[in-house]
């Protein structure tokens, strides 16, 4: 077992361990920290596929880590401490989206989604806490989503995992602040990565016909939302800010999701639900909450049309 380091010279570079660093937000974050002088443990399931560019790329050490495998987590944490002496920040970024009609998802798909996005994040966090507690310093940065503060159609499972990450992070922050460690939450909105392609899992069963054109309408709306999304570098900058800010109690950072959350707070839940349904194409021909009004209007129009 690697001996824990509890101190570092002022001139010694800080170290960040990042999960899911092979592509997207994780890769951009690794390159962003390295370019600013940090040592980076860029972890991923298949290190052979890793490529990093930019200034400071020589500071990046690629390490195998599967967040669903406790043995690989322990090995990766030990290897990071062995190489760099300490861990100043943990970025829990590994995860993926299970998208589609909940009825069409299998039990195995649901289980895998929670094992990766929630239980895996918790396992890595638990493995790193002893080192940070011994140092009496550190930042645990959990990449959540605006989907952890508001819900969207076809995202029932993904939203569930991100809401879990939000609750876990907020509660854990109280515990760890008492020993000099802080927890931060990153809440991106739509970001242009491989989230909607390589990192996407779609509900197994094809029962979309039973829902009319609902699923097709919503998918088209999401394509529009992601078409002009910013790149992962925006999130990387927000993560770096979360790792380096002097505030001990600022919990949430919103790279590009602040407008969505501002709107969520400014209207009632029912109004917000209607807006989301309208924007994301989830509105059926007759909304349940408008059915009676529609029936009254139809009856009046029918009477007016009669001779």
C-alpha atoms as a PDB file:
ATOM      1  CA  UNK A   1       0.000   0.000   0.000  1.00  0.00           C
ATOM      2  CA  UNK A   2       1.337   3.451  -0.959  1.00  0.00           C
ATOM      3  CA  UNK A   3       2.269   5.621   2.010  1.00  0.00           C
ATOM      4  CA  UNK A   4       0.205   8.768   2.201  1.00  0.00           C
ATOM      5  CA  UNK A   5       1.974  12.073   1.711  1.00  0.00           C
ATOM      6  CA  UNK A   6       0.625  14.848   3.921  1.00  0.00           C
ATOM      7  CA  UNK A   7       2.687  17.827   2.841  1.00  0.00           C
ATOM      8  CA  UNK A   8       4.133  19.326  -0.299  1.00  0.00           C
ATOM      9  CA  UNK A   9       6.642  22.131  -0.852  1.00  0.00           C
ATOM     10  CA  UNK A  10       5.095  25.421  -1.946  1.00  0.00           C
ATOM     11  CA  UNK A  11       6.861  25.097  -5.301  1.00  0.00           C
ATOM     12  CA  UNK A  12       5.648  21.534  -5.872  1.00  0.00           C
ATOM     13  CA  UNK A  13       3.006  21.270  -8.621  1.00  0.00           C
ATOM     14  CA  UNK A  14      -0.461  20.279  -7.522  1.00  0.00           C
ATOM     15  CA  UNK A  15      -1.999  17.011  -8.689  1.00  0.00           C
ATOM     16  CA  UNK A  16      -5.441  16.239 -10.077  1.00  0.00           C
ATOM     17  CA  UNK A  17      -6.934  12.795 -10.699  1.00  0.00           C
ATOM     18  CA  UNK A  18      -9.589  12.778 -13.430  1.00  0.00           C
ATOM     19  CA  UNK A  19     -11.905   9.883 -14.278  1.00  0.00           C
ATOM     20  CA  UNK A  20     -13.273   9.354 -17.790  1.00  0.00           C
ATOM     21  CA  UNK A  21     -10.374  11.316 -19.304  1.00  0.00           C
ATOM     22  CA  UNK A  22     -10.148   9.614 -22.702  1.00  0.00           C
ATOM     23  CA  UNK A  23     -12.500  11.992 -24.531  1.00  0.00           C
ATOM     24  CA  UNK A  24     -14.820  14.966 -24.159  1.00  0.00           C
ATOM     25  CA  UNK A  25     -14.921  16.889 -20.886  1.00  0.00           C
ATOM     26  CA  UNK A  26     -12.402  14.587 -19.191  1.00  0.00           C
ATOM     27  CA  UNK A  27      -9.775  14.970 -21.902  1.00  0.00           C
ATOM     28  CA  UNK A  28     -10.286  18.734 -22.171  1.00  0.00           C
ATOM     29  CA  UNK A  29      -9.940  19.010 -18.379  1.00  0.00           C
ATOM     30  CA  UNK A  30      -6.713  16.998 -18.336  1.00  0.00           C
ATOM     31  CA  UNK A  31      -5.179  19.240 -20.988  1.00  0.00           C
ATOM     32  CA  UNK A  32      -6.463  22.407 -19.279  1.00  0.00           C
ATOM     33  CA  UNK A  33      -4.911  21.531 -15.885  1.00  0.00           C
ATOM     34  CA  UNK A  34      -1.630  20.343 -17.445  1.00  0.00           C
ATOM     35  CA  UNK A  35      -1.279  23.586 -19.407  1.00  0.00           C
ATOM     36  CA  UNK A  36      -1.509  25.456 -16.080  1.00  0.00           C
ATOM     37  CA  UNK A  37       1.253  23.524 -14.388  1.00  0.00           C
ATOM     38  CA  UNK A  38      -0.661  20.742 -12.618  1.00  0.00           C
ATOM     39  CA  UNK A  39       0.355  17.105 -12.593  1.00  0.00           C
ATOM     40  CA  UNK A  40      -2.508  15.109 -14.092  1.00  0.00           C
ATOM     41  CA  UNK A  41      -3.505  11.502 -13.514  1.00  0.00           C
ATOM     42  CA  UNK A  42      -5.757  10.970 -16.524  1.00  0.00           C
ATOM     43  CA  UNK A  43      -7.662   7.764 -15.848  1.00  0.00           C
ATOM     44  CA  UNK A  44      -9.766   5.700 -18.221  1.00  0.00           C
ATOM     45  CA  UNK A  45     -10.773   2.108 -18.935  1.00  0.00           C
ATOM     46  CA  UNK A  46      -8.583   1.735 -22.057  1.00  0.00           C
ATOM     47  CA  UNK A  47      -5.342   3.712 -21.696  1.00  0.00           C
ATOM     48  CA  UNK A  48      -4.035   2.420 -25.036  1.00  0.00           C
ATOM     49  CA  UNK A  49      -6.428   4.794 -26.793  1.00  0.00           C
ATOM     50  CA  UNK A  50      -5.241   7.913 -24.951  1.00  0.00           C
ATOM     51  CA  UNK A  51      -3.893  10.946 -26.822  1.00  0.00           C
ATOM     52  CA  UNK A  52      -3.231  14.372 -25.304  1.00  0.00           C
ATOM     53  CA  UNK A  53      -2.070  17.590 -26.908  1.00  0.00           C
ATOM     54  CA  UNK A  54      -1.137  21.113 -25.942  1.00  0.00           C
ATOM     55  CA  UNK A  55       1.294  22.756 -23.560  1.00  0.00           C
ATOM     56  CA  UNK A  56       2.173  20.649 -20.542  1.00  0.00           C
ATOM     57  CA  UNK A  57       1.050  17.348 -22.071  1.00  0.00           C
ATOM     58  CA  UNK A  58       4.195  15.772 -20.620  1.00  0.00           C
ATOM     59  CA  UNK A  59       2.666  16.326 -17.164  1.00  0.00           C
ATOM     60  CA  UNK A  60      -0.169  13.915 -17.946  1.00  0.00           C
ATOM     61  CA  UNK A  61       0.170  10.358 -16.693  1.00  0.00           C
ATOM     62  CA  UNK A  62      -2.351   7.913 -18.172  1.00  0.00           C
ATOM     63  CA  UNK A  63      -3.652   5.323 -15.708  1.00  0.00           C
ATOM     64  CA  UNK A  64      -6.220   2.567 -16.096  1.00  0.00           C
ATOM     65  CA  UNK A  65      -9.314   2.967 -13.920  1.00  0.00           C
ATOM     66  CA  UNK A  66     -12.777   1.460 -14.234  1.00  0.00           C
ATOM     67  CA  UNK A  67     -15.160   3.152 -11.794  1.00  0.00           C
ATOM     68  CA  UNK A  68     -17.176  -0.072 -11.488  1.00  0.00           C
ATOM     69  CA  UNK A  69     -14.094  -2.089 -10.425  1.00  0.00           C
ATOM     70  CA  UNK A  70     -12.929  -1.445  -6.843  1.00  0.00           C
ATOM     71  CA  UNK A  71      -9.558  -3.128  -7.434  1.00  0.00           C
ATOM     72  CA  UNK A  72      -8.736  -0.878 -10.381  1.00  0.00           C
ATOM     73  CA  UNK A  73      -9.786   2.186  -8.356  1.00  0.00           C
ATOM     74  CA  UNK A  74      -7.442   1.279  -5.488  1.00  0.00           C
ATOM     75  CA  UNK A  75      -4.577   0.607  -7.912  1.00  0.00           C
ATOM     76  CA  UNK A  76      -5.113   3.895  -9.765  1.00  0.00           C
ATOM     77  CA  UNK A  77      -5.202   5.955  -6.562  1.00  0.00           C
ATOM     78  CA  UNK A  78      -2.043   4.243  -5.276  1.00  0.00           C
ATOM     79  CA  UNK A  79      -0.297   4.760  -8.618  1.00  0.00           C
ATOM     80  CA  UNK A  80      -1.196   8.440  -8.614  1.00  0.00           C
ATOM     81  CA  UNK A  81       0.141   8.975  -5.089  1.00  0.00           C
ATOM     82  CA  UNK A  82       3.242   6.951  -5.943  1.00  0.00           C
ATOM     83  CA  UNK A  83       3.942   9.099  -8.994  1.00  0.00           C
ATOM     84  CA  UNK A  84       3.090  12.541  -7.633  1.00  0.00           C
ATOM     85  CA  UNK A  85       3.087  12.212  -3.838  1.00  0.00           C
ATOM     86  CA  UNK A  86      -0.427  13.560  -3.204  1.00  0.00           C
ATOM     87  CA  UNK A  87      -3.855  14.254  -4.728  1.00  0.00           C
ATOM     88  CA  UNK A  88      -5.030  17.855  -4.498  1.00  0.00           C
ATOM     89  CA  UNK A  89      -8.160  17.491  -6.593  1.00  0.00           C
ATOM     90  CA  UNK A  90     -10.390  14.668  -7.781  1.00  0.00           C
ATOM     91  CA  UNK A  91     -12.603  15.230 -10.822  1.00  0.00           C
ATOM     92  CA  UNK A  92     -15.362  12.623 -11.006  1.00  0.00           C
ATOM     93  CA  UNK A  93     -16.239  12.907 -14.663  1.00  0.00           C
ATOM     94  CA  UNK A  94     -16.766   9.312 -15.832  1.00  0.00           C
ATOM     95  CA  UNK A  95     -20.334   8.608 -16.849  1.00  0.00           C
ATOM     96  CA  UNK A  96     -22.734   8.198 -19.732  1.00  0.00           C
ATOM     97  CA  UNK A  97     -26.383   8.745 -20.609  1.00  0.00           C
ATOM     98  CA  UNK A  98     -29.088   6.077 -20.779  1.00  0.00           C
ATOM     99  CA  UNK A  99     -31.759   7.737 -22.889  1.00  0.00           C
ATOM    100  CA  UNK A 100     -35.192   6.656 -24.026  1.00  0.00           C
ATOM    101  CA  UNK A 101     -38.591   5.582 -22.769  1.00  0.00           C
ATOM    102  CA  UNK A 102     -38.296   4.196 -19.247  1.00  0.00           C
ATOM    103  CA  UNK A 103     -40.726   1.375 -20.073  1.00  0.00           C
ATOM    104  CA  UNK A 104     -38.329   0.212 -22.792  1.00  0.00           C
ATOM    105  CA  UNK A 105     -35.270  -0.013 -20.524  1.00  0.00           C
ATOM    106  CA  UNK A 106     -34.095  -3.345 -19.166  1.00  0.00           C
ATOM    107  CA  UNK A 107     -33.186  -3.957 -15.533  1.00  0.00           C
ATOM    108  CA  UNK A 108     -29.551  -4.486 -16.581  1.00  0.00           C
ATOM    109  CA  UNK A 109     -29.468  -1.109 -18.336  1.00  0.00           C
ATOM    110  CA  UNK A 110     -30.882   0.637 -15.282  1.00  0.00           C
ATOM    111  CA  UNK A 111     -28.384  -1.111 -13.007  1.00  0.00           C
ATOM    112  CA  UNK A 112     -25.393  -0.228 -15.209  1.00  0.00           C
ATOM    113  CA  UNK A 113     -26.445   3.416 -15.335  1.00  0.00           C
ATOM    114  CA  UNK A 114     -26.480   3.729 -11.545  1.00  0.00           C
ATOM    115  CA  UNK A 115     -23.332   1.617 -11.089  1.00  0.00           C
ATOM    116  CA  UNK A 116     -21.367   3.969 -13.333  1.00  0.00           C
ATOM    117  CA  UNK A 117     -22.860   7.411 -12.716  1.00  0.00           C
ATOM    118  CA  UNK A 118     -23.544   7.109  -8.977  1.00  0.00           C
ATOM    119  CA  UNK A 119     -21.960   4.098  -7.274  1.00  0.00           C
ATOM    120  CA  UNK A 120     -18.759   4.399  -9.328  1.00  0.00           C
ATOM    121  CA  UNK A 121     -18.436   8.073  -8.439  1.00  0.00           C
ATOM    122  CA  UNK A 122     -18.945   7.213  -4.760  1.00  0.00           C
ATOM    123  CA  UNK A 123     -16.348   4.432  -4.892  1.00  0.00           C
ATOM    124  CA  UNK A 124     -13.643   6.687  -6.360  1.00  0.00           C
ATOM    125  CA  UNK A 125     -14.503   9.407  -3.859  1.00  0.00           C
ATOM    126  CA  UNK A 126     -14.268   6.998  -0.923  1.00  0.00           C
ATOM    127  CA  UNK A 127     -10.864   5.785  -2.154  1.00  0.00           C
ATOM    128  CA  UNK A 128      -9.423   9.317  -2.346  1.00  0.00           C
ATOM    129  CA  UNK A 129     -10.821  10.763   0.903  1.00  0.00           C
ATOM    130  CA  UNK A 130      -8.211   9.184   3.248  1.00  0.00           C
ATOM    131  CA  UNK A 131      -5.346  10.835   1.325  1.00  0.00           C
ATOM    132  CA  UNK A 132      -7.047  14.232   1.324  1.00  0.00           C
ATOM    133  CA  UNK A 133      -8.016  13.924   4.985  1.00  0.00           C
ATOM    134  CA  UNK A 134      -4.388  13.146   5.874  1.00  0.00           C
ATOM    135  CA  UNK A 135      -3.316  16.219   3.904  1.00  0.00           C
ATOM    136  CA  UNK A 136      -6.075  18.297   5.547  1.00  0.00           C
ATOM    137  CA  UNK A 137      -6.775  19.707   2.091  1.00  0.00           C
ATOM    138  CA  UNK A 138      -8.303  18.778  -1.250  1.00  0.00           C
ATOM    139  CA  UNK A 139     -11.179  19.356  -3.628  1.00  0.00           C
ATOM    140  CA  UNK A 140     -13.604  16.707  -4.835  1.00  0.00           C
ATOM    141  CA  UNK A 141     -15.287  17.965  -7.988  1.00  0.00           C
ATOM    142  CA  UNK A 142     -18.289  16.025  -9.230  1.00  0.00           C
ATOM    143  CA  UNK A 143     -19.477  16.605 -12.778  1.00  0.00           C
ATOM    144  CA  UNK A 144     -23.263  16.579 -12.580  1.00  0.00           C
ATOM    145  CA  UNK A 145     -25.533  18.407 -15.020  1.00  0.00           C
ATOM    146  CA  UNK A 146     -28.463  20.802 -15.226  1.00  0.00           C
ATOM    147  CA  UNK A 147     -30.291  17.464 -15.493  1.00  0.00           C
ATOM    148  CA  UNK A 148     -29.510  17.086 -11.800  1.00  0.00           C
ATOM    149  CA  UNK A 149     -31.587  20.151 -10.964  1.00  0.00           C
ATOM    150  CA  UNK A 150     -34.377  19.842 -13.546  1.00  0.00           C
ATOM    151  CA  UNK A 151     -35.877  16.909 -15.456  1.00  0.00           C
ATOM    152  CA  UNK A 152     -36.361  16.317 -19.160  1.00  0.00           C
ATOM    153  CA  UNK A 153     -38.286  13.817 -21.302  1.00  0.00           C
ATOM    154  CA  UNK A 154     -36.498  10.572 -22.221  1.00  0.00           C
ATOM    155  CA  UNK A 155     -33.872  11.327 -19.544  1.00  0.00           C
ATOM    156  CA  UNK A 156     -35.617   9.666 -16.592  1.00  0.00           C
ATOM    157  CA  UNK A 157     -32.645   7.439 -15.696  1.00  0.00           C
ATOM    158  CA  UNK A 158     -29.900   9.939 -16.477  1.00  0.00           C
ATOM    159  CA  UNK A 159     -31.707  12.644 -14.484  1.00  0.00           C
ATOM    160  CA  UNK A 160     -32.154  10.215 -11.596  1.00  0.00           C
ATOM    161  CA  UNK A 161     -28.403   9.589 -11.406  1.00  0.00           C
ATOM    162  CA  UNK A 162     -27.508  13.270 -11.603  1.00  0.00           C
ATOM    163  CA  UNK A 163     -30.061  14.184  -8.910  1.00  0.00           C
ATOM    164  CA  UNK A 164     -28.394  11.509  -6.768  1.00  0.00           C
ATOM    165  CA  UNK A 165     -24.960  13.043  -7.403  1.00  0.00           C
ATOM    166  CA  UNK A 166     -26.283  16.466  -6.394  1.00  0.00           C
ATOM    167  CA  UNK A 167     -27.707  15.202  -3.098  1.00  0.00           C
ATOM    168  CA  UNK A 168     -24.651  13.108  -2.294  1.00  0.00           C
ATOM    169  CA  UNK A 169     -22.261  15.971  -3.025  1.00  0.00           C
ATOM    170  CA  UNK A 170     -24.148  18.546  -0.990  1.00  0.00           C
ATOM    171  CA  UNK A 171     -24.380  16.288   2.064  1.00  0.00           C
ATOM    172  CA  UNK A 172     -20.759  15.092   1.781  1.00  0.00           C
ATOM    173  CA  UNK A 173     -19.511  18.674   1.672  1.00  0.00           C
ATOM    174  CA  UNK A 174     -20.658  19.211   5.276  1.00  0.00           C
ATOM    175  CA  UNK A 175     -18.682  16.178   6.430  1.00  0.00           C
ATOM    176  CA  UNK A 176     -15.457  16.883   4.573  1.00  0.00           C
ATOM    177  CA  UNK A 177     -15.293  20.605   5.279  1.00  0.00           C
ATOM    178  CA  UNK A 178     -14.661  19.642   8.896  1.00  0.00           C
ATOM    179  CA  UNK A 179     -11.332  18.065   7.853  1.00  0.00           C
ATOM    180  CA  UNK A 180     -10.240  20.713   5.342  1.00  0.00           C
ATOM    181  CA  UNK A 181     -11.654  19.101   2.178  1.00  0.00           C
ATOM    182  CA  UNK A 182     -14.349  20.661  -0.013  1.00  0.00           C
ATOM    183  CA  UNK A 183     -16.813  19.216  -2.506  1.00  0.00           C
ATOM    184  CA  UNK A 184     -17.811  21.056  -5.679  1.00  0.00           C
ATOM    185  CA  UNK A 185     -20.537  20.341  -8.251  1.00  0.00           C
ATOM    186  CA  UNK A 186     -20.263  21.232 -11.954  1.00  0.00           C
ATOM    187  CA  UNK A 187     -23.625  21.657 -13.713  1.00  0.00           C
ATOM    188  CA  UNK A 188     -23.142  21.925 -17.493  1.00  0.00           C
ATOM    189  CA  UNK A 189     -25.972  22.470 -19.923  1.00  0.00           C
ATOM    190  CA  UNK A 190     -25.726  21.009 -23.459  1.00  0.00           C
ATOM    191  CA  UNK A 191     -22.061  20.485 -24.429  1.00  0.00           C
ATOM    192  CA  UNK A 192     -20.717  19.381 -27.807  1.00  0.00           C
ATOM    193  CA  UNK A 193     -19.003  16.066 -27.002  1.00  0.00           C
ATOM    194  CA  UNK A 194     -19.650  12.428 -27.877  1.00  0.00           C
ATOM    195  CA  UNK A 195     -22.350  12.295 -25.182  1.00  0.00           C
ATOM    196  CA  UNK A 196     -25.090  11.888 -27.800  1.00  0.00           C
ATOM    197  CA  UNK A 197     -23.100   9.321 -29.819  1.00  0.00           C
ATOM    198  CA  UNK A 198     -20.348   7.106 -28.363  1.00  0.00           C
ATOM    199  CA  UNK A 199     -21.285   7.751 -24.726  1.00  0.00           C
ATOM    200  CA  UNK A 200     -24.986   7.129 -25.258  1.00  0.00           C
ATOM    201  CA  UNK A 201     -26.951   4.024 -24.348  1.00  0.00           C
ATOM    202  CA  UNK A 202     -30.444   3.767 -25.818  1.00  0.00           C
ATOM    203  CA  UNK A 203     -33.359   1.855 -24.310  1.00  0.00           C
ATOM    204  CA  UNK A 204     -33.282  -1.730 -25.595  1.00  0.00           C
ATOM    205  CA  UNK A 205     -36.929  -2.348 -26.437  1.00  0.00           C
ATOM    206  CA  UNK A 206     -38.563  -0.693 -29.434  1.00  0.00           C
ATOM    207  CA  UNK A 207     -41.994   0.319 -28.182  1.00  0.00           C
ATOM    208  CA  UNK A 208     -41.979   3.858 -29.577  1.00  0.00           C
ATOM    209  CA  UNK A 209     -45.069   3.165 -31.702  1.00  0.00           C
ATOM    210  CA  UNK A 210     -47.067   2.757 -28.489  1.00  0.00           C
ATOM    211  CA  UNK A 211     -46.257   6.406 -27.672  1.00  0.00           C
ATOM    212  CA  UNK A 212     -47.236   7.785 -31.060  1.00  0.00           C
ATOM    213  CA  UNK A 213     -44.704  10.302 -32.389  1.00  0.00           C
ATOM    214  CA  UNK A 214     -43.641  11.433 -28.899  1.00  0.00           C
ATOM    215  CA  UNK A 215     -40.140   9.939 -28.982  1.00  0.00           C
ATOM    216  CA  UNK A 216     -39.401  11.190 -32.498  1.00  0.00           C
ATOM    217  CA  UNK A 217     -40.516  14.732 -31.607  1.00  0.00           C
ATOM    218  CA  UNK A 218     -38.317  14.856 -28.518  1.00  0.00           C
ATOM    219  CA  UNK A 219     -35.256  13.458 -30.304  1.00  0.00           C
ATOM    220  CA  UNK A 220     -35.569  16.145 -32.984  1.00  0.00           C
ATOM    221  CA  UNK A 221     -35.776  18.837 -30.293  1.00  0.00           C
ATOM    222  CA  UNK A 222     -32.605  17.530 -28.638  1.00  0.00           C
ATOM    223  CA  UNK A 223     -30.748  17.615 -31.954  1.00  0.00           C
ATOM    224  CA  UNK A 224     -31.568  21.307 -32.209  1.00  0.00           C
ATOM    225  CA  UNK A 225     -30.483  21.970 -28.604  1.00  0.00           C
ATOM    226  CA  UNK A 226     -27.100  20.242 -29.084  1.00  0.00           C
ATOM    227  CA  UNK A 227     -26.396  21.621 -32.581  1.00  0.00           C
ATOM    228  CA  UNK A 228     -24.989  24.942 -31.346  1.00  0.00           C
ATOM    229  CA  UNK A 229     -23.665  23.721 -27.984  1.00  0.00           C
ATOM    230  CA  UNK A 230     -20.231  24.945 -26.835  1.00  0.00           C
ATOM    231  CA  UNK A 231     -17.253  22.605 -26.614  1.00  0.00           C
ATOM    232  CA  UNK A 232     -15.916  20.815 -23.516  1.00  0.00           C
ATOM    233  CA  UNK A 233     -13.210  23.444 -22.947  1.00  0.00           C
ATOM    234  CA  UNK A 234     -15.875  25.651 -21.356  1.00  0.00           C
ATOM    235  CA  UNK A 235     -16.544  22.980 -18.729  1.00  0.00           C
ATOM    236  CA  UNK A 236     -12.808  22.381 -18.217  1.00  0.00           C
ATOM    237  CA  UNK A 237     -12.366  26.057 -17.328  1.00  0.00           C
ATOM    238  CA  UNK A 238     -15.233  25.829 -14.835  1.00  0.00           C
ATOM    239  CA  UNK A 239     -13.726  22.719 -13.245  1.00  0.00           C
ATOM    240  CA  UNK A 240     -10.367  24.477 -12.889  1.00  0.00           C
ATOM    241  CA  UNK A 241     -12.092  27.419 -11.226  1.00  0.00           C
ATOM    242  CA  UNK A 242     -13.828  25.042  -8.817  1.00  0.00           C
ATOM    243  CA  UNK A 243     -10.451  23.471  -7.964  1.00  0.00           C
ATOM    244  CA  UNK A 244      -8.669  26.764  -7.354  1.00  0.00           C
ATOM    245  CA  UNK A 245     -11.244  29.184  -5.918  1.00  0.00           C
ATOM    246  CA  UNK A 246     -10.449  30.349  -2.402  1.00  0.00           C
ATOM    247  CA  UNK A 247     -14.038  29.962  -1.184  1.00  0.00           C
ATOM    248  CA  UNK A 248     -14.583  26.987   1.102  1.00  0.00           C
ATOM    249  CA  UNK A 249     -18.373  27.013   0.797  1.00  0.00           C
ATOM    250  CA  UNK A 250     -19.258  27.766  -2.823  1.00  0.00           C
ATOM    251  CA  UNK A 251     -20.792  24.482  -3.929  1.00  0.00           C
ATOM    252  CA  UNK A 252     -22.114  24.795  -7.494  1.00  0.00           C
ATOM    253  CA  UNK A 253     -20.498  25.995 -10.735  1.00  0.00           C
ATOM    254  CA  UNK A 254     -22.498  26.446 -13.944  1.00  0.00           C
ATOM    255  CA  UNK A 255     -20.406  26.660 -17.141  1.00  0.00           C
ATOM    256  CA  UNK A 256     -23.405  27.304 -19.384  1.00  0.00           C
ATOM    257  CA  UNK A 257     -26.456  26.081 -17.482  1.00  0.00           C
ATOM    258  CA  UNK A 258     -27.090  29.207 -15.410  1.00  0.00           C
ATOM    259  CA  UNK A 259     -29.852  30.557 -17.669  1.00  0.00           C
ATOM    260  CA  UNK A 260     -31.794  27.293 -17.528  1.00  0.00           C
ATOM    261  CA  UNK A 261     -31.533  27.220 -13.741  1.00  0.00           C
ATOM    262  CA  UNK A 262     -32.456  30.903 -13.433  1.00  0.00           C
ATOM    263  CA  UNK A 263     -35.631  30.215 -15.395  1.00  0.00           C
ATOM    264  CA  UNK A 264     -36.326  27.177 -13.211  1.00  0.00           C
ATOM    265  CA  UNK A 265     -36.240  29.317 -10.061  1.00  0.00           C
ATOM    266  CA  UNK A 266     -38.315  32.166 -11.462  1.00  0.00           C
ATOM    267  CA  UNK A 267     -41.488  30.268 -12.362  1.00  0.00           C
ATOM    268  CA  UNK A 268     -43.753  27.767 -10.659  1.00  0.00           C
ATOM    269  CA  UNK A 269     -43.153  24.063 -11.132  1.00  0.00           C
ATOM    270  CA  UNK A 270     -46.269  23.689 -13.280  1.00  0.00           C
ATOM    271  CA  UNK A 271     -45.246  26.588 -15.526  1.00  0.00           C
ATOM    272  CA  UNK A 272     -41.722  25.241 -15.854  1.00  0.00           C
ATOM    273  CA  UNK A 273     -43.072  21.806 -16.765  1.00  0.00           C
ATOM    274  CA  UNK A 274     -45.189  23.320 -19.521  1.00  0.00           C
ATOM    275  CA  UNK A 275     -42.240  25.291 -20.887  1.00  0.00           C
ATOM    276  CA  UNK A 276     -39.953  22.250 -20.973  1.00  0.00           C
ATOM    277  CA  UNK A 277     -42.668  20.164 -22.605  1.00  0.00           C
ATOM    278  CA  UNK A 278     -43.169  22.821 -25.267  1.00  0.00           C
ATOM    279  CA  UNK A 279     -39.473  23.459 -26.000  1.00  0.00           C
ATOM    280  CA  UNK A 280     -38.508  19.782 -26.101  1.00  0.00           C
ATOM    281  CA  UNK A 281     -41.427  18.627 -28.208  1.00  0.00           C
ATOM    282  CA  UNK A 282     -43.062  16.618 -25.439  1.00  0.00           C
ATOM    283  CA  UNK A 283     -46.437  18.340 -25.718  1.00  0.00           C
ATOM    284  CA  UNK A 284     -49.100  15.912 -26.957  1.00  0.00           C
ATOM    285  CA  UNK A 285     -51.897  17.175 -29.232  1.00  0.00           C
ATOM    286  CA  UNK A 286     -54.001  17.854 -26.120  1.00  0.00           C
ATOM    287  CA  UNK A 287     -52.219  18.493 -22.847  1.00  0.00           C
ATOM    288  CA  UNK A 288     -53.801  16.722 -19.863  1.00  0.00           C
ATOM    289  CA  UNK A 289     -54.048  20.001 -17.973  1.00  0.00           C
ATOM    290  CA  UNK A 290     -55.799  21.617 -20.993  1.00  0.00           C
ATOM    291  CA  UNK A 291     -58.146  18.756 -21.852  1.00  0.00           C
ATOM    292  CA  UNK A 292     -61.256  20.173 -20.148  1.00  0.00           C
ATOM    293  CA  UNK A 293     -60.731  23.618 -21.673  1.00  0.00           C
ATOM    294  CA  UNK A 294     -60.225  22.007 -25.081  1.00  0.00           C
ATOM    295  CA  UNK A 295     -63.437  20.023 -24.704  1.00  0.00           C
ATOM    296  CA  UNK A 296     -65.408  23.171 -23.733  1.00  0.00           C
ATOM    297  CA  UNK A 297     -63.989  25.125 -26.657  1.00  0.00           C
ATOM    298  CA  UNK A 298     -64.756  22.271 -29.057  1.00  0.00           C
ATOM    299  CA  UNK A 299     -68.344  22.060 -27.812  1.00  0.00           C
ATOM    300  CA  UNK A 300     -68.873  25.822 -28.254  1.00  0.00           C
ATOM    301  CA  UNK A 301     -67.402  25.720 -31.755  1.00  0.00           C
ATOM    302  CA  UNK A 302     -69.642  22.779 -32.641  1.00  0.00           C
ATOM    303  CA  UNK A 303     -72.766  24.672 -31.499  1.00  0.00           C
ATOM    304  CA  UNK A 304     -71.716  27.780 -33.433  1.00  0.00           C
ATOM    305  CA  UNK A 305     -71.231  25.788 -36.622  1.00  0.00           C
ATOM    306  CA  UNK A 306     -74.727  24.302 -36.494  1.00  0.00           C
ATOM    307  CA  UNK A 307     -77.429  26.094 -38.578  1.00  0.00           C
END
